[in-house]
Amino acid sequence: IVRISDGRMSGTAFGTIVLHVTPESAIGGPLAHVRSG
């Protein structure tokens, strides 16, 4: 399933995963303001 975060994943992992979203949510990046739906 598509997954999105401002974190990392192990290099051993697999999947449709978007990582390292910058700037991160904890400093007010756009990711902070995403809502369900």
Full PDB file with SEQRES, HELIX, SHEET, SSBOND, CRYST1, ORIGX, SCALE, CONECT and MASTER records, all heavy atoms in Angstrom:
SEQRES   1 A   37  ILE VAL ARG ILE SER ASP GLY ARG MET SER GLY THR ALA          
SEQRES   2 A   37  PHE GLY THR ILE VAL LEU HIS VAL THR PRO GLU SER ALA          
SEQRES   3 A   37  ILE GLY GLY PRO LEU ALA HIS VAL ARG SER GLY                  
HELIX    1 AA1 SER A   25  ILE A   27  5                                   3    
HELIX    2 AA2 PRO A   30  HIS A   33  5                                   4    
SHEET    1 AA1 2 ARG A   3  ILE A   4  0                                        
SHEET    2 AA1 2 ILE A  17  VAL A  18  1                                        
CRYST1    1.000    1.000    1.000  90.00  90.00  90.00 P 1           1          
ORIGX1      1.000000  0.000000  0.000000        0.00000                         
ORIGX2      0.000000  1.000000  0.000000        0.00000                         
ORIGX3      0.000000  0.000000  1.000000        0.00000                         
SCALE1      1.000000  0.000000  0.000000        0.00000                         
SCALE2      0.000000  1.000000  0.000000        0.00000                         
SCALE3      0.000000  0.000000  1.000000        0.00000                         
ATOM      1  N   ILE A   1       0.875  -1.165   0.000  1.00  0.00           N  
ATOM      2  CA  ILE A   1       0.000   0.000   0.000  1.00  0.00           C  
ATOM      3  C   ILE A   1       0.913   1.216   0.000  1.00  0.00           C  
ATOM      4  O   ILE A   1       2.022   1.163   0.558  1.00  0.00           O  
ATOM      5  CB  ILE A   1      -0.943  -0.003   1.239  1.00  0.00           C  
ATOM      6  CG1 ILE A   1      -1.988   1.124   1.152  1.00  0.00           C  
ATOM      7  CG2 ILE A   1      -0.169   0.053   2.536  1.00  0.00           C  
ATOM      8  CD1 ILE A   1      -3.062   1.037   2.243  1.00  0.00           C  
ATOM      9  N   VAL A   2       0.524   2.302  -0.636  1.00  0.00           N  
ATOM     10  CA  VAL A   2       1.365   3.499  -0.644  1.00  0.00           C  
ATOM     11  C   VAL A   2       1.457   4.067   0.764  1.00  0.00           C  
ATOM     12  O   VAL A   2       0.444   4.227   1.450  1.00  0.00           O  
ATOM     13  CB  VAL A   2       0.810   4.562  -1.613  1.00  0.00           C  
ATOM     14  CG1 VAL A   2       1.672   5.830  -1.561  1.00  0.00           C  
ATOM     15  CG2 VAL A   2       0.761   4.019  -3.033  1.00  0.00           C  
ATOM     16  N   ARG A   3       2.686   4.355   1.172  1.00  0.00           N  
ATOM     17  CA  ARG A   3       2.939   4.916   2.500  1.00  0.00           C  
ATOM     18  C   ARG A   3       3.856   6.128   2.371  1.00  0.00           C  
ATOM     19  O   ARG A   3       4.808   6.102   1.581  1.00  0.00           O  
ATOM     20  CB  ARG A   3       3.575   3.850   3.408  1.00  0.00           C  
ATOM     21  CG  ARG A   3       2.604   2.783   3.863  1.00  0.00           C  
ATOM     22  CD  ARG A   3       3.273   1.471   4.221  1.00  0.00           C  
ATOM     23  NE  ARG A   3       3.515   0.641   3.035  1.00  0.00           N  
ATOM     24  CZ  ARG A   3       4.005  -0.597   3.082  1.00  0.00           C  
ATOM     25  NH1 ARG A   3       4.349  -1.134   4.246  1.00  0.00           N  
ATOM     26  NH2 ARG A   3       4.170  -1.290   1.975  1.00  0.00           N  
ATOM     27  N   ILE A   4       3.578   7.166   3.158  1.00  0.00           N  
ATOM     28  CA  ILE A   4       4.323   8.424   3.080  1.00  0.00           C  
ATOM     29  C   ILE A   4       4.676   8.876   4.488  1.00  0.00           C  
ATOM     30  O   ILE A   4       3.819   8.867   5.388  1.00  0.00           O  
ATOM     31  CB  ILE A   4       3.495   9.528   2.385  1.00  0.00           C  
ATOM     32  CG1 ILE A   4       3.134   9.115   0.950  1.00  0.00           C  
ATOM     33  CG2 ILE A   4       4.247  10.852   2.375  1.00  0.00           C  
ATOM     34  CD1 ILE A   4       2.173  10.071   0.273  1.00  0.00           C  
ATOM     35  N   SER A   5       5.936   9.295   4.681  1.00  0.00           N  
ATOM     36  CA  SER A   5       6.335   9.830   5.981  1.00  0.00           C  
ATOM     37  C   SER A   5       7.565  10.707   5.826  1.00  0.00           C  
ATOM     38  O   SER A   5       8.200  10.757   4.770  1.00  0.00           O  
ATOM     39  CB  SER A   5       6.646   8.692   6.965  1.00  0.00           C  
ATOM     40  OG  SER A   5       7.912   8.120   6.675  1.00  0.00           O  
ATOM     41  N   ASP A   6       7.916  11.385   6.915  1.00  0.00           N  
ATOM     42  CA  ASP A   6       9.155  12.161   6.964  1.00  0.00           C  
ATOM     43  C   ASP A   6      10.280  11.377   7.627  1.00  0.00           C  
ATOM     44  O   ASP A   6      11.319  11.926   7.971  1.00  0.00           O  
ATOM     45  CB  ASP A   6       8.947  13.514   7.661  1.00  0.00           C  
ATOM     46  CG  ASP A   6       8.169  13.407   8.961  1.00  0.00           C  
ATOM     47  OD1 ASP A   6       7.978  12.276   9.466  1.00  0.00           O  
ATOM     48  OD2 ASP A   6       7.732  14.454   9.481  1.00  0.00           O  
ATOM     49  N   GLY A   7      10.059  10.073   7.791  1.00  0.00           N  
ATOM     50  CA  GLY A   7      11.073   9.215   8.389  1.00  0.00           C  
ATOM     51  C   GLY A   7      11.855   8.427   7.359  1.00  0.00           C  
ATOM     52  O   GLY A   7      11.846   8.732   6.168  1.00  0.00           O  
ATOM     53  N   ARG A   8      12.526   7.396   7.840  1.00  0.00           N  
ATOM     54  CA  ARG A   8      13.338   6.528   6.994  1.00  0.00           C  
ATOM     55  C   ARG A   8      12.750   5.120   7.011  1.00  0.00           C  
ATOM     56  O   ARG A   8      11.819   4.835   7.753  1.00  0.00           O  
ATOM     57  CB  ARG A   8      14.781   6.469   7.518  1.00  0.00           C  
ATOM     58  CG  ARG A   8      15.497   7.807   7.547  1.00  0.00           C  
ATOM     59  CD  ARG A   8      16.905   7.671   8.139  1.00  0.00           C  
ATOM     60  NE  ARG A   8      16.891   7.179   9.509  1.00  0.00           N  
ATOM     61  CZ  ARG A   8      17.360   6.000   9.906  1.00  0.00           C  
ATOM     62  NH1 ARG A   8      17.914   5.169   9.023  1.00  0.00           N  
ATOM     63  NH2 ARG A   8      17.306   5.636  11.169  1.00  0.00           N  
ATOM     64  N   MET A   9      13.324   4.247   6.195  1.00  0.00           N  
ATOM     65  CA  MET A   9      13.039   2.822   6.337  1.00  0.00           C  
ATOM     66  C   MET A   9      14.344   2.058   6.196  1.00  0.00           C  
ATOM     67  O   MET A   9      15.321   2.545   5.615  1.00  0.00           O  
ATOM     68  CB  MET A   9      12.015   2.337   5.313  1.00  0.00           C  
ATOM     69  CG  MET A   9      12.515   2.113   3.900  1.00  0.00           C  
ATOM     70  SD  MET A   9      11.241   1.338   2.862  1.00  0.00           S  
ATOM     71  CE  MET A   9      12.130   1.181   1.308  1.00  0.00           C  
ATOM     72  N   SER A  10      14.349   0.857   6.726  1.00  0.00           N  
ATOM     73  CA  SER A  10      15.530   0.015   6.608  1.00  0.00           C  
ATOM     74  C   SER A  10      15.831  -0.248   5.148  1.00  0.00           C  
ATOM     75  O   SER A  10      14.923  -0.407   4.324  1.00  0.00           O  
ATOM     76  CB  SER A  10      15.284  -1.311   7.332  1.00  0.00           C  
ATOM     77  OG  SER A  10      16.294  -2.245   6.998  1.00  0.00           O  
ATOM     78  N   GLY A  11      17.116  -0.330   4.826  1.00  0.00           N  
ATOM     79  CA  GLY A  11      17.502  -0.680   3.467  1.00  0.00           C  
ATOM     80  C   GLY A  11      17.098  -2.084   3.088  1.00  0.00           C  
ATOM     81  O   GLY A  11      17.095  -2.445   1.914  1.00  0.00           O  
ATOM     82  N   THR A  12      16.745  -2.897   4.091  1.00  0.00           N  
ATOM     83  CA  THR A  12      16.315  -4.268   3.817  1.00  0.00           C  
ATOM     84  C   THR A  12      14.827  -4.351   3.500  1.00  0.00           C  
ATOM     85  O   THR A  12      14.327  -5.417   3.151  1.00  0.00           O  
ATOM     86  CB  THR A  12      16.606  -5.169   5.035  1.00  0.00           C  
ATOM     87  OG1 THR A  12      15.785  -4.761   6.138  1.00  0.00           O  
ATOM     88  CG2 THR A  12      18.061  -5.089   5.451  1.00  0.00           C  
ATOM     89  N   ALA A  13      14.115  -3.230   3.644  1.00  0.00           N  
ATOM     90  CA  ALA A  13      12.661  -3.232   3.489  1.00  0.00           C  
ATOM     91  C   ALA A  13      12.261  -3.044   2.031  1.00  0.00           C  
ATOM     92  O   ALA A  13      13.075  -2.723   1.163  1.00  0.00           O  
ATOM     93  CB  ALA A  13      12.041  -2.148   4.363  1.00  0.00           C  
ATOM     94  N   PHE A  14      10.979  -3.214   1.770  1.00  0.00           N  
ATOM     95  CA  PHE A  14      10.460  -3.145   0.407  1.00  0.00           C  
ATOM     96  C   PHE A  14       9.037  -2.605   0.462  1.00  0.00           C  
ATOM     97  O   PHE A  14       8.378  -2.615   1.506  1.00  0.00           O  
ATOM     98  CB  PHE A  14      10.487  -4.526  -0.248  1.00  0.00           C  
ATOM     99  CG  PHE A  14       9.891  -5.612   0.623  1.00  0.00           C  
ATOM    100  CD1 PHE A  14       8.538  -5.908   0.575  1.00  0.00           C  
ATOM    101  CD2 PHE A  14      10.687  -6.309   1.530  1.00  0.00           C  
ATOM    102  CE1 PHE A  14       7.988  -6.878   1.387  1.00  0.00           C  
ATOM    103  CE2 PHE A  14      10.141  -7.283   2.369  1.00  0.00           C  
ATOM    104  CZ  PHE A  14       8.792  -7.563   2.297  1.00  0.00           C  
ATOM    105  N   GLY A  15       8.558  -2.122  -0.673  1.00  0.00           N  
ATOM    106  CA  GLY A  15       7.199  -1.592  -0.751  1.00  0.00           C  
ATOM    107  C   GLY A  15       7.188  -0.220  -1.405  1.00  0.00           C  
ATOM    108  O   GLY A  15       8.234   0.399  -1.636  1.00  0.00           O  
ATOM    109  N   THR A  16       5.975   0.270  -1.691  1.00  0.00           N  
ATOM    110  CA  THR A  16       5.802   1.581  -2.336  1.00  0.00           C  
ATOM    111  C   THR A  16       5.748   2.629  -1.234  1.00  0.00           C  
ATOM    112  O   THR A  16       4.675   3.005  -0.749  1.00  0.00           O  
ATOM    113  CB  THR A  16       4.524   1.572  -3.190  1.00  0.00           C  
ATOM    114  OG1 THR A  16       4.524   0.394  -4.021  1.00  0.00           O  
ATOM    115  CG2 THR A  16       4.447   2.811  -4.064  1.00  0.00           C  
ATOM    116  N   ILE A  17       6.918   3.081  -0.846  1.00  0.00           N  
ATOM    117  CA  ILE A  17       7.054   3.874   0.375  1.00  0.00           C  
ATOM    118  C   ILE A  17       7.821   5.159   0.074  1.00  0.00           C  
ATOM    119  O   ILE A  17       8.982   5.125  -0.352  1.00  0.00           O  
ATOM    120  CB  ILE A  17       7.770   3.062   1.471  1.00  0.00           C  
ATOM    121  CG1 ILE A  17       6.988   1.765   1.741  1.00  0.00           C  
ATOM    122  CG2 ILE A  17       7.908   3.873   2.742  1.00  0.00           C  
ATOM    123  CD1 ILE A  17       7.685   0.805   2.668  1.00  0.00           C  
ATOM    124  N   VAL A  18       7.179   6.291   0.316  1.00  0.00           N  
ATOM    125  CA  VAL A  18       7.788   7.609   0.130  1.00  0.00           C  
ATOM    126  C   VAL A  18       8.376   8.048   1.465  1.00  0.00           C  
ATOM    127  O   VAL A  18       7.684   8.074   2.486  1.00  0.00           O  
ATOM    128  CB  VAL A  18       6.752   8.634  -0.378  1.00  0.00           C  
ATOM    129  CG1 VAL A  18       7.386  10.014  -0.513  1.00  0.00           C  
ATOM    130  CG2 VAL A  18       6.163   8.173  -1.714  1.00  0.00           C  
ATOM    131  N   LEU A  19       9.646   8.422   1.444  1.00  0.00           N  
ATOM    132  CA  LEU A  19      10.408   8.697   2.662  1.00  0.00           C  
ATOM    133  C   LEU A  19      11.066  10.066   2.601  1.00  0.00           C  
ATOM    134  O   LEU A  19      11.114  10.710   1.559  1.00  0.00           O  
ATOM    135  CB  LEU A  19      11.497   7.634   2.828  1.00  0.00           C  
ATOM    136  CG  LEU A  19      11.027   6.180   2.835  1.00  0.00           C  
ATOM    137  CD1 LEU A  19      12.147   5.261   2.396  1.00  0.00           C  
ATOM    138  CD2 LEU A  19      10.513   5.798   4.210  1.00  0.00           C  
ATOM    139  N   HIS A  20      11.606  10.484   3.760  1.00  0.00           N  
ATOM    140  CA  HIS A  20      12.453  11.686   3.867  1.00  0.00           C  
ATOM    141  C   HIS A  20      11.704  12.946   3.412  1.00  0.00           C  
ATOM    142  O   HIS A  20      12.325  13.875   2.894  1.00  0.00           O  
ATOM    143  CB  HIS A  20      13.730  11.567   3.039  1.00  0.00           C  
ATOM    144  CG  HIS A  20      14.527  10.324   3.271  1.00  0.00           C  
ATOM    145  ND1 HIS A  20      15.751  10.115   2.658  1.00  0.00           N  
ATOM    146  CD2 HIS A  20      14.313   9.224   4.024  1.00  0.00           C  
ATOM    147  CE1 HIS A  20      16.236   8.945   3.025  1.00  0.00           C  
ATOM    148  NE2 HIS A  20      15.368   8.384   3.860  1.00  0.00           N  
ATOM    149  N   VAL A  21      10.390  12.992   3.592  1.00  0.00           N  
ATOM    150  CA  VAL A  21       9.637  14.183   3.183  1.00  0.00           C  
ATOM    151  C   VAL A  21      10.220  15.399   3.907  1.00  0.00           C  
ATOM    152  O   VAL A  21      10.309  15.430   5.141  1.00  0.00           O  
ATOM    153  CB  VAL A  21       8.146  14.021   3.487  1.00  0.00           C  
ATOM    154  CG1 VAL A  21       7.406  15.338   3.291  1.00  0.00           C  
ATOM    155  CG2 VAL A  21       7.544  12.940   2.593  1.00  0.00           C  
ATOM    156  N   THR A  22      10.628  16.398   3.121  1.00  0.00           N  
ATOM    157  CA  THR A  22      11.326  17.571   3.653  1.00  0.00           C  
ATOM    158  C   THR A  22      10.646  18.856   3.180  1.00  0.00           C  
ATOM    159  O   THR A  22      10.308  18.965   2.003  1.00  0.00           O  
ATOM    160  CB  THR A  22      12.792  17.567   3.160  1.00  0.00           C  
ATOM    161  OG1 THR A  22      13.406  16.311   3.538  1.00  0.00           O  
ATOM    162  CG2 THR A  22      13.588  18.704   3.757  1.00  0.00           C  
ATOM    163  N   PRO A  23      10.435  19.826   4.098  1.00  0.00           N  
ATOM    164  CA  PRO A  23      10.744  19.782   5.529  1.00  0.00           C  
ATOM    165  C   PRO A  23       9.785  18.870   6.296  1.00  0.00           C  
ATOM    166  O   PRO A  23       8.662  18.633   5.865  1.00  0.00           O  
ATOM    167  CB  PRO A  23      10.597  21.245   5.959  1.00  0.00           C  
ATOM    168  CG  PRO A  23       9.670  21.841   4.962  1.00  0.00           C  
ATOM    169  CD  PRO A  23       9.910  21.137   3.676  1.00  0.00           C  
ATOM    170  N   GLU A  24      10.256  18.395   7.436  1.00  0.00           N  
ATOM    171  CA  GLU A  24       9.471  17.450   8.230  1.00  0.00           C  
ATOM    172  C   GLU A  24       8.285  18.140   8.902  1.00  0.00           C  
ATOM    173  O   GLU A  24       8.246  19.366   9.061  1.00  0.00           O  
ATOM    174  CB  GLU A  24      10.359  16.788   9.280  1.00  0.00           C  
ATOM    175  CG  GLU A  24      10.908  17.743  10.340  1.00  0.00           C  
ATOM    176  CD  GLU A  24      11.653  17.022  11.461  1.00  0.00           C  
ATOM    177  OE1 GLU A  24      11.051  16.126  12.066  1.00  0.00           O  
ATOM    178  OE2 GLU A  24      12.825  17.379  11.716  1.00  0.00           O  
ATOM    179  N   SER A  25       7.342  17.334   9.348  1.00  0.00           N  
ATOM    180  CA  SER A  25       6.123  17.858   9.963  1.00  0.00           C  
ATOM    181  C   SER A  25       6.402  18.549  11.287  1.00  0.00           C  
ATOM    182  O   SER A  25       5.723  19.531  11.636  1.00  0.00           O  
ATOM    183  CB  SER A  25       5.097  16.736  10.156  1.00  0.00           C  
ATOM    184  OG  SER A  25       5.660  15.649  10.858  1.00  0.00           O  
ATOM    185  N   ALA A  26       7.407  18.093  12.033  1.00  0.00           N  
ATOM    186  CA  ALA A  26       7.660  18.647  13.363  1.00  0.00           C  
ATOM    187  C   ALA A  26       8.155  20.081  13.333  1.00  0.00           C  
ATOM    188  O   ALA A  26       8.147  20.762  14.371  1.00  0.00           O  
ATOM    189  CB  ALA A  26       8.671  17.779  14.117  1.00  0.00           C  
ATOM    190  N   ILE A  27       8.584  20.577  12.172  1.00  0.00           N  
ATOM    191  CA  ILE A  27       9.000  21.980  12.080  1.00  0.00           C  
ATOM    192  C   ILE A  27       8.036  22.787  11.198  1.00  0.00           C  
ATOM    193  O   ILE A  27       8.354  23.888  10.772  1.00  0.00           O  
ATOM    194  CB  ILE A  27      10.444  22.128  11.574  1.00  0.00           C  
ATOM    195  CG1 ILE A  27      10.592  21.618  10.136  1.00  0.00           C  
ATOM    196  CG2 ILE A  27      11.412  21.390  12.507  1.00  0.00           C  
ATOM    197  CD1 ILE A  27      11.938  21.954   9.509  1.00  0.00           C  
ATOM    198  N   GLY A  28       6.894  22.186  10.917  1.00  0.00           N  
ATOM    199  CA  GLY A  28       5.869  22.932  10.186  1.00  0.00           C  
ATOM    200  C   GLY A  28       5.830  22.699   8.701  1.00  0.00           C  
ATOM    201  O   GLY A  28       5.207  23.467   7.959  1.00  0.00           O  
ATOM    202  N   GLY A  29       6.473  21.627   8.227  1.00  0.00           N  
ATOM    203  CA  GLY A  29       6.396  21.295   6.810  1.00  0.00           C  
ATOM    204  C   GLY A  29       4.968  20.966   6.409  1.00  0.00           C  
ATOM    205  O   GLY A  29       4.120  20.674   7.260  1.00  0.00           O  
ATOM    206  N   PRO A  30       4.664  21.004   5.107  1.00  0.00           N  
ATOM    207  CA  PRO A  30       3.295  20.740   4.654  1.00  0.00           C  
ATOM    208  C   PRO A  30       2.714  19.424   5.149  1.00  0.00           C  
ATOM    209  O   PRO A  30       1.498  19.310   5.338  1.00  0.00           O  
ATOM    210  CB  PRO A  30       3.430  20.741   3.130  1.00  0.00           C  
ATOM    211  CG  PRO A  30       4.598  21.627   2.847  1.00  0.00           C  
ATOM    212  CD  PRO A  30       5.549  21.386   3.983  1.00  0.00           C  
ATOM    213  N   LEU A  31       3.569  18.442   5.387  1.00  0.00           N  
ATOM    214  CA  LEU A  31       3.083  17.153   5.886  1.00  0.00           C  
ATOM    215  C   LEU A  31       2.311  17.307   7.191  1.00  0.00           C  
ATOM    216  O   LEU A  31       1.381  16.539   7.481  1.00  0.00           O  
ATOM    217  CB  LEU A  31       4.270  16.201   6.084  1.00  0.00           C  
ATOM    218  CG  LEU A  31       3.937  14.742   6.411  1.00  0.00           C  
ATOM    219  CD1 LEU A  31       3.300  14.046   5.216  1.00  0.00           C  
ATOM    220  CD2 LEU A  31       5.202  13.995   6.839  1.00  0.00           C  
ATOM    221  N   ALA A  32       2.687  18.317   7.981  1.00  0.00           N  
ATOM    222  CA  ALA A  32       2.019  18.543   9.269  1.00  0.00           C  
ATOM    223  C   ALA A  32       0.535  18.847   9.112  1.00  0.00           C  
ATOM    224  O   ALA A  32      -0.255  18.632  10.044  1.00  0.00           O  
ATOM    225  CB  ALA A  32       2.711  19.683  10.016  1.00  0.00           C  
ATOM    226  N   HIS A  33       0.142  19.327   7.948  1.00  0.00           N  
ATOM    227  CA  HIS A  33      -1.225  19.819   7.776  1.00  0.00           C  
ATOM    228  C   HIS A  33      -2.099  18.901   6.916  1.00  0.00           C  
ATOM    229  O   HIS A  33      -3.210  19.265   6.537  1.00  0.00           O  
ATOM    230  CB  HIS A  33      -1.172  21.222   7.184  1.00  0.00           C  
ATOM    231  CG  HIS A  33      -0.297  22.147   7.966  1.00  0.00           C  
ATOM    232  ND1 HIS A  33      -0.544  22.463   9.287  1.00  0.00           N  
ATOM    233  CD2 HIS A  33       0.869  22.786   7.642  1.00  0.00           C  
ATOM    234  CE1 HIS A  33       0.413  23.273   9.728  1.00  0.00           C  
ATOM    235  NE2 HIS A  33       1.273  23.476   8.758  1.00  0.00           N  
ATOM    236  N   VAL A  34      -1.584  17.692   6.636  1.00  0.00           N  
ATOM    237  CA  VAL A  34      -2.396  16.708   5.919  1.00  0.00           C  
ATOM    238  C   VAL A  34      -3.446  16.147   6.879  1.00  0.00           C  
ATOM    239  O   VAL A  34      -3.158  15.867   8.038  1.00  0.00           O  
ATOM    240  CB  VAL A  34      -1.520  15.567   5.364  1.00  0.00           C  
ATOM    241  CG1 VAL A  34      -2.387  14.549   4.621  1.00  0.00           C  
ATOM    242  CG2 VAL A  34      -0.434  16.111   4.454  1.00  0.00           C  
ATOM    243  N   ARG A  35      -4.657  15.960   6.378  1.00  0.00           N  
ATOM    244  CA  ARG A  35      -5.741  15.401   7.177  1.00  0.00           C  
ATOM    245  C   ARG A  35      -6.307  14.162   6.500  1.00  0.00           C  
ATOM    246  O   ARG A  35      -6.277  14.049   5.272  1.00  0.00           O  
ATOM    247  CB  ARG A  35      -6.843  16.441   7.377  1.00  0.00           C  
ATOM    248  CG  ARG A  35      -6.405  17.644   8.198  1.00  0.00           C  
ATOM    249  CD  ARG A  35      -7.538  18.649   8.356  1.00  0.00           C  
ATOM    250  NE  ARG A  35      -7.106  19.806   9.148  1.00  0.00           N  
ATOM    251  CZ  ARG A  35      -7.865  20.876   9.380  1.00  0.00           C  
ATOM    252  NH1 ARG A  35      -9.101  20.932   8.869  1.00  0.00           N  
ATOM    253  NH2 ARG A  35      -7.399  21.875  10.122  1.00  0.00           N  
ATOM    254  N   SER A  36      -6.818  13.253   7.297  1.00  0.00           N  
ATOM    255  CA  SER A  36      -7.477  12.071   6.735  1.00  0.00           C  
ATOM    256  C   SER A  36      -8.591  12.510   5.799  1.00  0.00           C  
ATOM    257  O   SER A  36      -9.368  13.419   6.114  1.00  0.00           O  
ATOM    258  CB  SER A  36      -8.035  11.189   7.855  1.00  0.00           C  
ATOM    259  OG  SER A  36      -6.988  10.559   8.561  1.00  0.00           O  
ATOM    260  N   GLY A  37      -8.652  11.878   4.658  1.00  0.00           N  
ATOM    261  CA  GLY A  37      -9.643  12.234   3.641  1.00  0.00           C  
ATOM    262  C   GLY A  37      -9.094  13.094   2.530  1.00  0.00           C  
ATOM    263  O   GLY A  37      -9.688  13.159   1.441  1.00  0.00           O  
TER     264      GLY A  37                                                      
MASTER        0    0    0    2    2    0    0    6  263    1    0    3          
END                                                                             
